[in-house]
Amino acid sequence: MSQSTVTVRYWAAARAAATVAEEERPPGKVSEVLSAASADHPDLVPVLAVASILLNGMAVTTDDNAPAGSLLEVLPPFAGG
């Protein structure tokens, strides 16, 4: 994890849609980070519409900031029981 970027980690269907497990992105608002990811991985768009987003292990909204050095995780709904 670089101290000048945000690490974006994709789980389950998000990983399949992004075709990578994680990647580095420039810091900014969560919405900006995810918008850039969606531009590079268009199949991610429907997954992001239903996914939970965690920043350093805490739930966030797209209006929150994702500072450099942080971990942003995309968690789609999980099936099972």
N, C-alpha and C. Protein backbone atom coordinates (compact mmCIF):
# COMPACT_ATOMS: atom_id res chain seq x y z
N MET A 1 0.86 -1.18 0.00
CA MET A 1 0.00 0.00 0.00
C MET A 1 0.90 1.24 0.00
N SER A 2 0.71 2.06 -1.00
CA SER A 2 1.50 3.28 -1.12
C SER A 2 0.92 4.37 -0.22
N GLN A 3 1.78 5.20 0.30
CA GLN A 3 1.33 6.31 1.14
C GLN A 3 0.82 7.49 0.31
N SER A 4 0.96 7.42 -1.02
CA SER A 4 0.48 8.51 -1.86
C SER A 4 -0.76 8.13 -2.67
N THR A 5 -1.26 6.91 -2.47
CA THR A 5 -2.45 6.45 -3.19
C THR A 5 -3.42 5.79 -2.22
N VAL A 6 -4.59 5.47 -2.73
CA VAL A 6 -5.58 4.69 -2.00
C VAL A 6 -5.56 3.29 -2.59
N THR A 7 -5.51 2.28 -1.75
CA THR A 7 -5.64 0.91 -2.24
C THR A 7 -7.12 0.57 -2.28
N VAL A 8 -7.59 0.14 -3.45
CA VAL A 8 -8.97 -0.30 -3.60
C VAL A 8 -8.95 -1.82 -3.70
N ARG A 9 -9.63 -2.47 -2.78
CA ARG A 9 -9.69 -3.94 -2.75
C ARG A 9 -11.11 -4.37 -3.11
N TYR A 10 -11.19 -5.31 -4.04
CA TYR A 10 -12.46 -5.80 -4.54
C TYR A 10 -12.72 -7.21 -4.00
N TRP A 11 -13.95 -7.45 -3.56
CA TRP A 11 -14.33 -8.76 -3.02
C TRP A 11 -15.39 -9.41 -3.90
N ALA A 12 -15.35 -10.72 -4.01
CA ALA A 12 -16.38 -11.54 -4.66
C ALA A 12 -16.74 -11.02 -6.05
N ALA A 13 -18.02 -10.68 -6.28
CA ALA A 13 -18.48 -10.23 -7.59
C ALA A 13 -17.77 -8.96 -8.04
N ALA A 14 -17.37 -8.13 -7.10
CA ALA A 14 -16.63 -6.91 -7.46
C ALA A 14 -15.27 -7.27 -8.05
N ARG A 15 -14.63 -8.29 -7.48
CA ARG A 15 -13.34 -8.75 -8.00
C ARG A 15 -13.51 -9.30 -9.41
N ALA A 16 -14.56 -10.06 -9.63
CA ALA A 16 -14.82 -10.61 -10.96
C ALA A 16 -15.08 -9.50 -11.97
N ALA A 17 -15.84 -8.49 -11.56
CA ALA A 17 -16.18 -7.39 -12.47
C ALA A 17 -14.96 -6.52 -12.78
N ALA A 18 -14.12 -6.30 -11.78
CA ALA A 18 -12.93 -5.45 -11.98
C ALA A 18 -11.79 -6.21 -12.64
N THR A 19 -11.83 -7.53 -12.55
CA THR A 19 -10.79 -8.44 -13.07
C THR A 19 -9.44 -8.28 -12.36
N VAL A 20 -9.45 -7.63 -11.22
CA VAL A 20 -8.27 -7.54 -10.37
C VAL A 20 -8.73 -7.64 -8.92
N ALA A 21 -7.85 -8.10 -8.04
CA ALA A 21 -8.18 -8.19 -6.62
C ALA A 21 -8.06 -6.85 -5.93
N GLU A 22 -7.07 -6.07 -6.34
CA GLU A 22 -6.89 -4.72 -5.78
C GLU A 22 -6.05 -3.89 -6.72
N GLU A 23 -6.13 -2.59 -6.51
CA GLU A 23 -5.36 -1.65 -7.33
C GLU A 23 -5.16 -0.36 -6.57
N GLU A 24 -4.23 0.43 -7.02
CA GLU A 24 -3.94 1.73 -6.42
C GLU A 24 -4.63 2.82 -7.22
N ARG A 25 -5.21 3.78 -6.51
CA ARG A 25 -5.92 4.90 -7.13
C ARG A 25 -5.49 6.19 -6.44
N PRO A 26 -5.61 7.33 -7.13
CA PRO A 26 -5.33 8.62 -6.47
C PRO A 26 -6.36 8.87 -5.36
N PRO A 27 -5.96 9.53 -4.29
CA PRO A 27 -6.89 9.85 -3.21
C PRO A 27 -7.91 10.88 -3.65
N GLY A 28 -9.00 10.98 -2.90
CA GLY A 28 -10.06 11.95 -3.17
C GLY A 28 -11.32 11.51 -2.48
N LYS A 29 -12.44 12.07 -2.88
CA LYS A 29 -13.72 11.61 -2.34
C LYS A 29 -13.93 10.17 -2.78
N VAL A 30 -14.63 9.40 -1.96
CA VAL A 30 -14.92 8.01 -2.30
C VAL A 30 -15.59 7.95 -3.67
N SER A 31 -16.51 8.88 -3.95
CA SER A 31 -17.20 8.89 -5.24
C SER A 31 -16.21 9.06 -6.40
N GLU A 32 -15.19 9.89 -6.22
CA GLU A 32 -14.21 10.11 -7.27
C GLU A 32 -13.35 8.88 -7.50
N VAL A 33 -12.95 8.23 -6.42
CA VAL A 33 -12.14 7.03 -6.54
C VAL A 33 -12.93 5.93 -7.26
N LEU A 34 -14.19 5.75 -6.87
CA LEU A 34 -15.01 4.71 -7.48
C LEU A 34 -15.41 5.05 -8.90
N SER A 35 -15.58 6.32 -9.19
CA SER A 35 -15.89 6.75 -10.56
C SER A 35 -14.72 6.42 -11.49
N ALA A 36 -13.52 6.67 -11.04
CA ALA A 36 -12.34 6.35 -11.84
C ALA A 36 -12.22 4.84 -12.04
N ALA A 37 -12.52 4.08 -10.99
CA ALA A 37 -12.48 2.61 -11.11
C ALA A 37 -13.53 2.14 -12.11
N SER A 38 -14.72 2.73 -12.06
CA SER A 38 -15.79 2.36 -12.99
C SER A 38 -15.42 2.69 -14.43
N ALA A 39 -14.73 3.79 -14.63
CA ALA A 39 -14.31 4.17 -15.99
C ALA A 39 -13.34 3.13 -16.56
N ASP A 40 -12.48 2.59 -15.70
CA ASP A 40 -11.52 1.59 -16.14
C ASP A 40 -12.11 0.18 -16.20
N HIS A 41 -13.15 -0.05 -15.41
CA HIS A 41 -13.78 -1.38 -15.31
C HIS A 41 -15.30 -1.22 -15.42
N PRO A 42 -15.84 -1.04 -16.63
CA PRO A 42 -17.28 -0.77 -16.79
C PRO A 42 -18.19 -1.83 -16.17
N ASP A 43 -17.75 -3.08 -16.12
CA ASP A 43 -18.58 -4.14 -15.52
C ASP A 43 -18.77 -3.94 -14.02
N LEU A 44 -18.00 -3.05 -13.44
CA LEU A 44 -18.10 -2.77 -12.01
C LEU A 44 -19.31 -1.89 -11.67
N VAL A 45 -19.84 -1.17 -12.63
CA VAL A 45 -20.93 -0.20 -12.37
C VAL A 45 -22.12 -0.83 -11.66
N PRO A 46 -22.70 -1.94 -12.16
CA PRO A 46 -23.86 -2.51 -11.45
C PRO A 46 -23.51 -3.08 -10.08
N VAL A 47 -22.30 -3.53 -9.91
CA VAL A 47 -21.87 -4.06 -8.60
C VAL A 47 -21.77 -2.92 -7.59
N LEU A 48 -21.21 -1.79 -8.00
CA LEU A 48 -21.08 -0.65 -7.10
C LEU A 48 -22.45 -0.12 -6.66
N ALA A 49 -23.46 -0.30 -7.49
CA ALA A 49 -24.80 0.19 -7.16
C ALA A 49 -25.39 -0.51 -5.94
N VAL A 50 -24.91 -1.73 -5.65
CA VAL A 50 -25.46 -2.50 -4.53
C VAL A 50 -24.41 -2.84 -3.46
N ALA A 51 -23.18 -2.43 -3.67
CA ALA A 51 -22.08 -2.80 -2.78
C ALA A 51 -22.01 -1.93 -1.54
N SER A 52 -21.47 -2.49 -0.48
CA SER A 52 -21.10 -1.72 0.70
C SER A 52 -19.65 -1.28 0.50
N ILE A 53 -19.34 -0.09 0.97
CA ILE A 53 -17.99 0.46 0.83
C ILE A 53 -17.41 0.69 2.22
N LEU A 54 -16.23 0.13 2.44
CA LEU A 54 -15.53 0.31 3.71
C LEU A 54 -14.26 1.10 3.48
N LEU A 55 -13.96 1.99 4.39
CA LEU A 55 -12.70 2.75 4.36
C LEU A 55 -11.99 2.43 5.66
N ASN A 56 -10.85 1.77 5.54
CA ASN A 56 -10.09 1.33 6.71
C ASN A 56 -10.97 0.57 7.70
N GLY A 57 -11.85 -0.29 7.14
CA GLY A 57 -12.69 -1.16 7.95
C GLY A 57 -13.98 -0.56 8.46
N MET A 58 -14.26 0.70 8.12
CA MET A 58 -15.48 1.37 8.59
C MET A 58 -16.36 1.72 7.39
N ALA A 59 -17.67 1.54 7.54
CA ALA A 59 -18.60 1.88 6.47
C ALA A 59 -18.55 3.38 6.20
N VAL A 60 -18.57 3.74 4.92
CA VAL A 60 -18.54 5.15 4.51
C VAL A 60 -19.57 5.40 3.42
N THR A 61 -19.79 6.66 3.13
CA THR A 61 -20.63 7.04 2.00
C THR A 61 -19.72 7.57 0.89
N THR A 62 -20.30 7.79 -0.26
CA THR A 62 -19.51 8.28 -1.38
C THR A 62 -19.08 9.73 -1.19
N ASP A 63 -19.67 10.43 -0.22
CA ASP A 63 -19.28 11.81 0.08
C ASP A 63 -18.05 11.90 0.98
N ASP A 64 -17.67 10.79 1.61
CA ASP A 64 -16.51 10.80 2.50
C ASP A 64 -15.22 10.87 1.70
N ASN A 65 -14.16 11.31 2.36
CA ASN A 65 -12.85 11.38 1.73
C ASN A 65 -12.10 10.07 1.91
N ALA A 66 -11.36 9.70 0.88
CA ALA A 66 -10.46 8.54 0.92
C ALA A 66 -9.04 9.10 0.81
N PRO A 67 -8.40 9.33 1.95
CA PRO A 67 -7.07 9.95 1.91
C PRO A 67 -5.98 8.98 1.47
N ALA A 68 -4.87 9.53 1.06
CA ALA A 68 -3.72 8.72 0.68
C ALA A 68 -3.34 7.79 1.83
N GLY A 69 -2.95 6.58 1.48
CA GLY A 69 -2.55 5.60 2.48
C GLY A 69 -3.69 4.77 3.04
N SER A 70 -4.92 5.04 2.59
CA SER A 70 -6.06 4.30 3.13
C SER A 70 -6.42 3.09 2.27
N LEU A 71 -7.28 2.23 2.83
CA LEU A 71 -7.77 1.04 2.16
C LEU A 71 -9.27 1.19 1.96
N LEU A 72 -9.70 1.17 0.71
CA LEU A 72 -11.11 1.26 0.35
C LEU A 72 -11.52 -0.13 -0.16
N GLU A 73 -12.53 -0.72 0.47
CA GLU A 73 -12.96 -2.07 0.10
C GLU A 73 -14.38 -2.03 -0.47
N VAL A 74 -14.56 -2.76 -1.56
CA VAL A 74 -15.85 -2.88 -2.23
C VAL A 74 -16.40 -4.26 -1.94
N LEU A 75 -17.51 -4.31 -1.17
CA LEU A 75 -18.10 -5.57 -0.75
C LEU A 75 -19.50 -5.71 -1.32
N PRO A 76 -19.68 -6.50 -2.36
CA PRO A 76 -21.03 -6.72 -2.87
C PRO A 76 -21.83 -7.58 -1.90
N PRO A 77 -23.15 -7.62 -2.04
CA PRO A 77 -23.94 -8.49 -1.16
C PRO A 77 -23.48 -9.94 -1.35
N PHE A 78 -23.43 -10.67 -0.26
CA PHE A 78 -23.03 -12.07 -0.29
C PHE A 78 -24.25 -12.95 -0.11
N ALA A 79 -24.33 -14.02 -0.86
CA ALA A 79 -25.41 -14.99 -0.70
C ALA A 79 -24.92 -16.11 0.21
N GLY A 80 -25.84 -16.80 0.79
CA GLY A 80 -25.46 -17.94 1.60
C GLY A 80 -26.17 -17.93 2.93
N GLY A 81 -25.83 -18.86 3.74
CA GLY A 81 -26.50 -18.90 5.01
C GLY A 81 -26.10 -19.99 5.83
